[in-house]
PDB file of all heavy atoms in Angstrom:
ATOM      1  N   TYR A   1       0.852  -1.210   0.000  1.00  0.00           N
ATOM      2  CA  TYR A   1       0.000   0.000   0.000  1.00  0.00           C
ATOM      3  C   TYR A   1       0.875   1.243   0.000  1.00  0.00           C
ATOM      4  O   TYR A   1       1.651   1.438   0.934  1.00  0.00           O
ATOM      5  CB  TYR A   1      -0.924   0.027   1.225  1.00  0.00           C
ATOM      6  CG  TYR A   1      -1.799   1.261   1.227  1.00  0.00           C
ATOM      7  CD1 TYR A   1      -2.988   1.261   0.508  1.00  0.00           C
ATOM      8  CD2 TYR A   1      -1.399   2.425   1.875  1.00  0.00           C
ATOM      9  CE1 TYR A   1      -3.775   2.410   0.463  1.00  0.00           C
ATOM     10  CE2 TYR A   1      -2.177   3.566   1.827  1.00  0.00           C
ATOM     11  CZ  TYR A   1      -3.360   3.562   1.122  1.00  0.00           C
ATOM     12  OH  TYR A   1      -4.128   4.692   1.048  1.00  0.00           O
ATOM     13  N   PRO A   2       0.838   2.005  -1.084  1.00  0.00           N
ATOM     14  CA  PRO A   2      -0.192   1.971  -2.132  1.00  0.00           C
ATOM     15  C   PRO A   2       0.230   1.328  -3.452  1.00  0.00           C
ATOM     16  O   PRO A   2      -0.597   1.185  -4.356  1.00  0.00           O
ATOM     17  CB  PRO A   2      -0.432   3.463  -2.371  1.00  0.00           C
ATOM     18  CG  PRO A   2       0.935   4.072  -2.202  1.00  0.00           C
ATOM     19  CD  PRO A   2       1.601   3.269  -1.095  1.00  0.00           C
ATOM     20  N   ASP A   3       1.505   0.939  -3.618  1.00  0.00           N
ATOM     21  CA  ASP A   3       2.045   0.712  -4.956  1.00  0.00           C
ATOM     22  C   ASP A   3       1.370  -0.404  -5.744  1.00  0.00           C
ATOM     23  O   ASP A   3       0.977  -0.205  -6.899  1.00  0.00           O
ATOM     24  CB  ASP A   3       3.548   0.426  -4.875  1.00  0.00           C
ATOM     25  CG  ASP A   3       4.342   1.588  -4.309  1.00  0.00           C
ATOM     26  OD1 ASP A   3       3.865   2.740  -4.400  1.00  0.00           O
ATOM     27  OD2 ASP A   3       5.432   1.347  -3.753  1.00  0.00           O
ATOM     28  N   ALA A   4       1.271  -1.611  -5.166  1.00  0.00           N
ATOM     29  CA  ALA A   4       0.787  -2.759  -5.944  1.00  0.00           C
ATOM     30  C   ALA A   4      -0.659  -2.573  -6.384  1.00  0.00           C
ATOM     31  O   ALA A   4      -1.036  -3.001  -7.482  1.00  0.00           O
ATOM     32  CB  ALA A   4       0.936  -4.042  -5.131  1.00  0.00           C
ATOM     33  N   ARG A   5      -1.454  -1.905  -5.561  1.00  0.00           N
ATOM     34  CA  ARG A   5      -2.874  -1.746  -5.891  1.00  0.00           C
ATOM     35  C   ARG A   5      -3.157  -0.522  -6.759  1.00  0.00           C
ATOM     36  O   ARG A   5      -4.283  -0.366  -7.252  1.00  0.00           O
ATOM     37  CB  ARG A   5      -3.696  -1.663  -4.606  1.00  0.00           C
ATOM     38  CG  ARG A   5      -3.469  -0.397  -3.798  1.00  0.00           C
ATOM     39  CD  ARG A   5      -4.384  -0.325  -2.584  1.00  0.00           C
ATOM     40  NE  ARG A   5      -4.127  -1.393  -1.646  1.00  0.00           N
ATOM     41  CZ  ARG A   5      -4.923  -1.694  -0.618  1.00  0.00           C
ATOM     42  NH1 ARG A   5      -6.023  -0.992  -0.402  1.00  0.00           N
ATOM     43  NH2 ARG A   5      -4.626  -2.682   0.188  1.00  0.00           N
ATOM     44  N   ASN A   6      -2.174   0.338  -6.913  1.00  0.00           N
ATOM     45  CA  ASN A   6      -2.380   1.598  -7.629  1.00  0.00           C
ATOM     46  C   ASN A   6      -1.927   1.450  -9.083  1.00  0.00           C
ATOM     47  O   ASN A   6      -0.735   1.318  -9.357  1.00  0.00           O
ATOM     48  CB  ASN A   6      -1.569   2.702  -6.946  1.00  0.00           C
ATOM     49  CG  ASN A   6      -1.729   4.057  -7.620  1.00  0.00           C
ATOM     50  OD1 ASN A   6      -2.449   4.184  -8.607  1.00  0.00           O
ATOM     51  ND2 ASN A   6      -1.055   5.057  -7.098  1.00  0.00           N
ATOM     52  N   PRO A   7      -2.853   1.482 -10.053  1.00  0.00           N
ATOM     53  CA  PRO A   7      -2.465   1.273 -11.443  1.00  0.00           C
ATOM     54  C   PRO A   7      -1.564   2.380 -11.996  1.00  0.00           C
ATOM     55  O   PRO A   7      -0.923   2.201 -13.037  1.00  0.00           O
ATOM     56  CB  PRO A   7      -3.799   1.224 -12.189  1.00  0.00           C
ATOM     57  CG  PRO A   7      -4.756   1.954 -11.307  1.00  0.00           C
ATOM     58  CD  PRO A   7      -4.310   1.686  -9.903  1.00  0.00           C
ATOM     59  N   TYR A   8      -1.489   3.506 -11.282  1.00  0.00           N
ATOM     60  CA  TYR A   8      -0.638   4.611 -11.732  1.00  0.00           C
ATOM     61  C   TYR A   8       0.762   4.548 -11.127  1.00  0.00           C
ATOM     62  O   TYR A   8       1.636   5.326 -11.515  1.00  0.00           O
ATOM     63  CB  TYR A   8      -1.298   5.945 -11.373  1.00  0.00           C
ATOM     64  CG  TYR A   8      -2.620   6.139 -12.076  1.00  0.00           C
ATOM     65  CD1 TYR A   8      -3.817   5.920 -11.411  1.00  0.00           C
ATOM     66  CD2 TYR A   8      -2.669   6.515 -13.417  1.00  0.00           C
ATOM     67  CE1 TYR A   8      -5.036   6.077 -12.060  1.00  0.00           C
ATOM     68  CE2 TYR A   8      -3.883   6.678 -14.076  1.00  0.00           C
ATOM     69  CZ  TYR A   8      -5.058   6.458 -13.393  1.00  0.00           C
ATOM     70  OH  TYR A   8      -6.254   6.608 -14.043  1.00  0.00           O
ATOM     71  N   ALA A   9       0.994   3.641 -10.189  1.00  0.00           N
ATOM     72  CA  ALA A   9       2.318   3.471  -9.607  1.00  0.00           C
ATOM     73  C   ALA A   9       3.153   2.568 -10.509  1.00  0.00           C
ATOM     74  O   ALA A   9       2.689   1.513 -10.952  1.00  0.00           O
ATOM     75  CB  ALA A   9       2.209   2.866  -8.207  1.00  0.00           C
ATOM     76  N   PHE A  10       4.375   2.982 -10.787  1.00  0.00           N
ATOM     77  CA  PHE A  10       5.287   2.214 -11.647  1.00  0.00           C
ATOM     78  C   PHE A  10       4.561   1.741 -12.914  1.00  0.00           C
ATOM     79  O   PHE A  10       4.398   0.538 -13.153  1.00  0.00           O
ATOM     80  CB  PHE A  10       5.877   1.028 -10.875  1.00  0.00           C
ATOM     81  CG  PHE A  10       6.502   1.418  -9.557  1.00  0.00           C
ATOM     82  CD1 PHE A  10       6.043   0.883  -8.361  1.00  0.00           C
ATOM     83  CD2 PHE A  10       7.548   2.329  -9.516  1.00  0.00           C
ATOM     84  CE1 PHE A  10       6.609   1.250  -7.151  1.00  0.00           C
ATOM     85  CE2 PHE A  10       8.130   2.698  -8.302  1.00  0.00           C
ATOM     86  CZ  PHE A  10       7.658   2.161  -7.125  1.00  0.00           C
ATOM     87  N   PRO A  11       4.098   2.688 -13.742  1.00  0.00           N
ATOM     88  CA  PRO A  11       3.292   2.315 -14.924  1.00  0.00           C
ATOM     89  C   PRO A  11       4.022   1.395 -15.893  1.00  0.00           C
ATOM     90  O   PRO A  11       3.380   0.691 -16.677  1.00  0.00           O
ATOM     91  CB  PRO A  11       2.975   3.672 -15.570  1.00  0.00           C
ATOM     92  CG  PRO A  11       4.009   4.618 -15.041  1.00  0.00           C
ATOM     93  CD  PRO A  11       4.311   4.149 -13.646  1.00  0.00           C
ATOM     94  N   GLU A  12       5.356   1.376 -15.823  1.00  0.00           N
ATOM     95  CA  GLU A  12       6.106   0.478 -16.713  1.00  0.00           C
ATOM     96  C   GLU A  12       5.811  -0.989 -16.421  1.00  0.00           C
ATOM     97  O   GLU A  12       5.972  -1.848 -17.305  1.00  0.00           O
ATOM     98  CB  GLU A  12       7.615   0.747 -16.588  1.00  0.00           C
ATOM     99  CG  GLU A  12       8.243   0.419 -15.241  1.00  0.00           C
ATOM    100  CD  GLU A  12       8.152   1.524 -14.200  1.00  0.00           C
ATOM    101  OE1 GLU A  12       7.320   2.451 -14.384  1.00  0.00           O
ATOM    102  OE2 GLU A  12       8.899   1.459 -13.219  1.00  0.00           O
ATOM    103  N   LEU A  13       5.394  -1.298 -15.190  1.00  0.00           N
ATOM    104  CA  LEU A  13       5.082  -2.694 -14.867  1.00  0.00           C
ATOM    105  C   LEU A  13       3.876  -3.187 -15.675  1.00  0.00           C
ATOM    106  O   LEU A  13       3.817  -4.358 -16.063  1.00  0.00           O
ATOM    107  CB  LEU A  13       4.818  -2.854 -13.374  1.00  0.00           C
ATOM    108  CG  LEU A  13       6.003  -2.594 -12.440  1.00  0.00           C
ATOM    109  CD1 LEU A  13       5.587  -2.780 -10.988  1.00  0.00           C
ATOM    110  CD2 LEU A  13       7.179  -3.504 -12.782  1.00  0.00           C
ATOM    111  N   LEU A  14       2.931  -2.290 -15.921  1.00  0.00           N
ATOM    112  CA  LEU A  14       1.788  -2.639 -16.767  1.00  0.00           C
ATOM    113  C   LEU A  14       2.135  -2.514 -18.242  1.00  0.00           C
ATOM    114  O   LEU A  14       1.891  -3.432 -19.036  1.00  0.00           O
ATOM    115  CB  LEU A  14       0.594  -1.749 -16.431  1.00  0.00           C
ATOM    116  CG  LEU A  14      -0.663  -1.955 -17.288  1.00  0.00           C
ATOM    117  CD1 LEU A  14      -1.156  -3.403 -17.189  1.00  0.00           C
ATOM    118  CD2 LEU A  14      -1.767  -0.990 -16.877  1.00  0.00           C
ATOM    119  N   ALA A  15       2.761  -1.399 -18.610  1.00  0.00           N
ATOM    120  CA  ALA A  15       3.016  -1.139 -20.027  1.00  0.00           C
ATOM    121  C   ALA A  15       4.017  -2.127 -20.620  1.00  0.00           C
ATOM    122  O   ALA A  15       3.831  -2.600 -21.754  1.00  0.00           O
ATOM    123  CB  ALA A  15       3.533   0.295 -20.191  1.00  0.00           C
ATOM    124  N   ASP A  16       5.063  -2.429 -19.873  1.00  0.00           N
ATOM    125  CA  ASP A  16       6.135  -3.269 -20.419  1.00  0.00           C
ATOM    126  C   ASP A  16       6.009  -4.745 -20.057  1.00  0.00           C
ATOM    127  O   ASP A  16       6.526  -5.606 -20.777  1.00  0.00           O
ATOM    128  CB  ASP A  16       7.505  -2.768 -19.930  1.00  0.00           C
ATOM    129  CG  ASP A  16       7.800  -1.342 -20.377  1.00  0.00           C
ATOM    130  OD1 ASP A  16       7.162  -0.886 -21.341  1.00  0.00           O
ATOM    131  OD2 ASP A  16       8.646  -0.688 -19.744  1.00  0.00           O
ATOM    132  N   GLU A  17       5.345  -5.036 -18.910  1.00  0.00           N
ATOM    133  CA  GLU A  17       5.321  -6.414 -18.418  1.00  0.00           C
ATOM    134  C   GLU A  17       3.912  -6.975 -18.268  1.00  0.00           C
ATOM    135  O   GLU A  17       3.753  -8.145 -17.913  1.00  0.00           O
ATOM    136  CB  GLU A  17       6.061  -6.490 -17.069  1.00  0.00           C
ATOM    137  CG  GLU A  17       7.515  -6.023 -17.165  1.00  0.00           C
ATOM    138  CD  GLU A  17       8.230  -6.055 -15.827  1.00  0.00           C
ATOM    139  OE1 GLU A  17       8.041  -7.042 -15.076  1.00  0.00           O
ATOM    140  OE2 GLU A  17       8.960  -5.098 -15.514  1.00  0.00           O
ATOM    141  N   GLY A  18       2.896  -6.141 -18.514  1.00  0.00           N
ATOM    142  CA  GLY A  18       1.514  -6.612 -18.442  1.00  0.00           C
ATOM    143  C   GLY A  18       1.041  -6.954 -17.043  1.00  0.00           C
ATOM    144  O   GLY A  18       0.125  -7.778 -16.883  1.00  0.00           O
ATOM    145  N   LEU A  19       1.638  -6.317 -16.033  1.00  0.00           N
ATOM    146  CA  LEU A  19       1.307  -6.646 -14.645  1.00  0.00           C
ATOM    147  C   LEU A  19       0.267  -5.665 -14.105  1.00  0.00           C
ATOM    148  O   LEU A  19       0.564  -4.519 -13.766  1.00  0.00           O
ATOM    149  CB  LEU A  19       2.576  -6.617 -13.781  1.00  0.00           C
ATOM    150  CG  LEU A  19       3.634  -7.665 -14.143  1.00  0.00           C
ATOM    151  CD1 LEU A  19       4.908  -7.435 -13.334  1.00  0.00           C
ATOM    152  CD2 LEU A  19       3.098  -9.073 -13.917  1.00  0.00           C
ATOM    153  N   ASP A  20      -0.974  -6.146 -14.029  1.00  0.00           N
ATOM    154  CA  ASP A  20      -2.068  -5.321 -13.527  1.00  0.00           C
ATOM    155  C   ASP A  20      -1.947  -5.109 -12.024  1.00  0.00           C
ATOM    156  O   ASP A  20      -1.318  -5.897 -11.308  1.00  0.00           O
ATOM    157  CB  ASP A  20      -3.411  -6.004 -13.817  1.00  0.00           C
ATOM    158  CG  ASP A  20      -3.752  -6.000 -15.293  1.00  0.00           C
ATOM    159  OD1 ASP A  20      -3.438  -5.001 -15.966  1.00  0.00           O
ATOM    160  OD2 ASP A  20      -4.320  -7.006 -15.773  1.00  0.00           O
ATOM    161  N   ALA A  21      -2.602  -4.065 -11.550  1.00  0.00           N
ATOM    162  CA  ALA A  21      -2.635  -3.766 -10.119  1.00  0.00           C
ATOM    163  C   ALA A  21      -3.246  -4.930  -9.339  1.00  0.00           C
ATOM    164  O   ALA A  21      -4.091  -5.672  -9.856  1.00  0.00           O
ATOM    165  CB  ALA A  21      -3.437  -2.490  -9.882  1.00  0.00           C
ATOM    166  N   TRP A  22      -2.807  -5.067  -8.087  1.00  0.00           N
ATOM    167  CA  TRP A  22      -3.291  -6.150  -7.232  1.00  0.00           C
ATOM    168  C   TRP A  22      -3.363  -5.662  -5.788  1.00  0.00           C
ATOM    169  O   TRP A  22      -2.442  -5.001  -5.295  1.00  0.00           O
ATOM    170  CB  TRP A  22      -2.370  -7.368  -7.303  1.00  0.00           C
ATOM    171  CG  TRP A  22      -2.812  -8.480  -6.387  1.00  0.00           C
ATOM    172  CD1 TRP A  22      -2.265  -8.832  -5.180  1.00  0.00           C
ATOM    173  CD2 TRP A  22      -3.919  -9.359  -6.593  1.00  0.00           C
ATOM    174  NE1 TRP A  22      -2.954  -9.886  -4.634  1.00  0.00           N
ATOM    175  CE2 TRP A  22      -3.981 -10.229  -5.487  1.00  0.00           C
ATOM    176  CE3 TRP A  22      -4.858  -9.496  -7.617  1.00  0.00           C
ATOM    177  CZ2 TRP A  22      -4.944 -11.218  -5.365  1.00  0.00           C
ATOM    178  CZ3 TRP A  22      -5.829 -10.481  -7.492  1.00  0.00           C
ATOM    179  CH2 TRP A  22      -5.855 -11.333  -6.381  1.00  0.00           C
ATOM    180  N   THR A  23      -4.467  -6.006  -5.110  1.00  0.00           N
ATOM    181  CA  THR A  23      -4.658  -5.622  -3.710  1.00  0.00           C
ATOM    182  C   THR A  23      -4.406  -6.812  -2.800  1.00  0.00           C
ATOM    183  O   THR A  23      -5.118  -7.821  -2.872  1.00  0.00           O
ATOM    184  CB  THR A  23      -6.082  -5.083  -3.481  1.00  0.00           C
ATOM    185  OG1 THR A  23      -6.273  -3.908  -4.280  1.00  0.00           O
ATOM    186  CG2 THR A  23      -6.291  -4.737  -2.012  1.00  0.00           C
ATOM    187  N   VAL A  24      -3.398  -6.708  -1.966  1.00  0.00           N
ATOM    188  CA  VAL A  24      -3.109  -7.710  -0.927  1.00  0.00           C
ATOM    189  C   VAL A  24      -4.067  -7.475   0.230  1.00  0.00           C
ATOM    190  O   VAL A  24      -4.245  -6.347   0.683  1.00  0.00           O
ATOM    191  CB  VAL A  24      -1.648  -7.569  -0.445  1.00  0.00           C
ATOM    192  CG1 VAL A  24      -1.370  -8.529   0.708  1.00  0.00           C
ATOM    193  CG2 VAL A  24      -0.675  -7.809  -1.589  1.00  0.00           C
ATOM    194  N   ARG A  25      -4.673  -8.529   0.728  1.00  0.00           N
ATOM    195  CA  ARG A  25      -5.684  -8.363   1.764  1.00  0.00           C
ATOM    196  C   ARG A  25      -5.090  -8.163   3.154  1.00  0.00           C
ATOM    197  O   ARG A  25      -5.660  -7.453   3.993  1.00  0.00           O
ATOM    198  CB  ARG A  25      -6.615  -9.587   1.778  1.00  0.00           C
ATOM    199  CG  ARG A  25      -7.425  -9.730   0.496  1.00  0.00           C
ATOM    200  CD  ARG A  25      -8.264 -10.993   0.509  1.00  0.00           C
ATOM    201  NE  ARG A  25      -9.247 -10.980   1.580  1.00  0.00           N
ATOM    202  CZ  ARG A  25     -10.000 -12.037   1.906  1.00  0.00           C
ATOM    203  NH1 ARG A  25      -9.866 -13.174   1.235  1.00  0.00           N
ATOM    204  NH2 ARG A  25     -10.875 -11.950   2.888  1.00  0.00           N
ATOM    205  N   GLU A  26      -3.939  -8.798   3.414  1.00  0.00           N
ATOM    206  CA  GLU A  26      -3.396  -8.735   4.763  1.00  0.00           C
ATOM    207  C   GLU A  26      -1.878  -8.922   4.726  1.00  0.00           C
ATOM    208  O   GLU A  26      -1.351  -9.620   3.846  1.00  0.00           O
ATOM    209  CB  GLU A  26      -4.038  -9.825   5.630  1.00  0.00           C
ATOM    210  CG  GLU A  26      -3.988  -9.570   7.121  1.00  0.00           C
ATOM    211  CD  GLU A  26      -5.059 -10.380   7.860  1.00  0.00           C
ATOM    212  OE1 GLU A  26      -6.269 -10.124   7.638  1.00  0.00           O
ATOM    213  OE2 GLU A  26      -4.701 -11.270   8.653  1.00  0.00           O
ATOM    214  N   VAL A  27      -1.187  -8.307   5.672  1.00  0.00           N
ATOM    215  CA  VAL A  27       0.253  -8.470   5.848  1.00  0.00           C
ATOM    216  C   VAL A  27       0.500  -8.954   7.266  1.00  0.00           C
ATOM    217  O   VAL A  27      -0.088  -8.435   8.221  1.00  0.00           O
ATOM    218  CB  VAL A  27       1.002  -7.141   5.624  1.00  0.00           C
ATOM    219  CG1 VAL A  27       2.503  -7.330   5.824  1.00  0.00           C
ATOM    220  CG2 VAL A  27       0.710  -6.577   4.236  1.00  0.00           C
ATOM    221  N   TRP A  28       1.386  -9.966   7.410  1.00  0.00           N
ATOM    222  CA  TRP A  28       1.797 -10.439   8.737  1.00  0.00           C
ATOM    223  C   TRP A  28       3.262 -10.083   8.927  1.00  0.00           C
ATOM    224  O   TRP A  28       4.114 -10.453   8.115  1.00  0.00           O
ATOM    225  CB  TRP A  28       1.618 -11.953   8.864  1.00  0.00           C
ATOM    226  CG  TRP A  28       0.176 -12.404   8.857  1.00  0.00           C
ATOM    227  CD1 TRP A  28      -0.944 -11.633   8.770  1.00  0.00           C
ATOM    228  CD2 TRP A  28      -0.288 -13.756   8.937  1.00  0.00           C
ATOM    229  NE1 TRP A  28      -2.081 -12.410   8.782  1.00  0.00           N
ATOM    230  CE2 TRP A  28      -1.706 -13.721   8.889  1.00  0.00           C
ATOM    231  CE3 TRP A  28       0.350 -14.986   9.034  1.00  0.00           C
ATOM    232  CZ2 TRP A  28      -2.489 -14.878   8.948  1.00  0.00           C
ATOM    233  CZ3 TRP A  28      -0.426 -16.139   9.085  1.00  0.00           C
ATOM    234  CH2 TRP A  28      -1.830 -16.082   9.054  1.00  0.00           C
ATOM    235  N   LEU A  29       3.540  -9.347   9.994  1.00  0.00           N
ATOM    236  CA  LEU A  29       4.885  -8.860  10.277  1.00  0.00           C
ATOM    237  C   LEU A  29       5.579  -9.763  11.287  1.00  0.00           C
ATOM    238  O   LEU A  29       5.055 -10.005  12.382  1.00  0.00           O
ATOM    239  CB  LEU A  29       4.817  -7.433  10.817  1.00  0.00           C
ATOM    240  CG  LEU A  29       4.166  -6.401   9.888  1.00  0.00           C
ATOM    241  CD1 LEU A  29       4.041  -5.059  10.607  1.00  0.00           C
ATOM    242  CD2 LEU A  29       4.947  -6.250   8.595  1.00  0.00           C
ATOM    243  N   MET A  30       6.772 -10.229  10.927  1.00  0.00           N
ATOM    244  CA  MET A  30       7.588 -11.045  11.821  1.00  0.00           C
ATOM    245  C   MET A  30       8.482 -10.148  12.678  1.00  0.00           C
ATOM    246  O   MET A  30       8.874  -9.059  12.260  1.00  0.00           O
ATOM    247  CB  MET A  30       8.475 -11.999  11.014  1.00  0.00           C
ATOM    248  CG  MET A  30       7.722 -12.942  10.110  1.00  0.00           C
ATOM    249  SD  MET A  30       8.846 -14.036   9.181  1.00  0.00           S
ATOM    250  CE  MET A  30       9.674 -12.854   8.103  1.00  0.00           C
ATOM    251  N   GLY A  31       8.836 -10.627  13.864  1.00  0.00           N
ATOM    252  CA  GLY A  31       9.752  -9.901  14.727  1.00  0.00           C
ATOM    253  C   GLY A  31       9.149  -8.687  15.390  1.00  0.00           C
ATOM    254  O   GLY A  31       9.867  -7.849  15.952  1.00  0.00           O
ATOM    255  N   THR A  32       7.838  -8.565  15.337  1.00  0.00           N
ATOM    256  CA  THR A  32       7.174  -7.385  15.872  1.00  0.00           C
ATOM    257  C   THR A  32       7.212  -7.343  17.397  1.00  0.00           C
ATOM    258  O   THR A  32       7.104  -8.380  18.057  1.00  0.00           O
ATOM    259  CB  THR A  32       5.711  -7.345  15.414  1.00  0.00           C
ATOM    260  OG1 THR A  32       5.031  -6.246  16.044  1.00  0.00           O
ATOM    261  CG2 THR A  32       4.972  -8.635  15.800  1.00  0.00           C
ATOM    262  N   PRO A  33       7.323  -6.148  17.978  1.00  0.00           N
ATOM    263  CA  PRO A  33       7.202  -6.037  19.428  1.00  0.00           C
ATOM    264  C   PRO A  33       5.752  -6.079  19.907  1.00  0.00           C
ATOM    265  O   PRO A  33       5.497  -6.168  21.107  1.00  0.00           O
ATOM    266  CB  PRO A  33       7.838  -4.672  19.731  1.00  0.00           C
ATOM    267  CG  PRO A  33       7.664  -3.885  18.481  1.00  0.00           C
ATOM    268  CD  PRO A  33       7.737  -4.878  17.346  1.00  0.00           C
TER     269      PRO A  33
END
């Protein structure tokens, strides 16, 4: 957040590699206090 879900972030990933935006539902952090 926000890059992978934002189609305007790193537009070359879509234009050159065909990688559409994707929303990750959850992140689990290791080593957290």
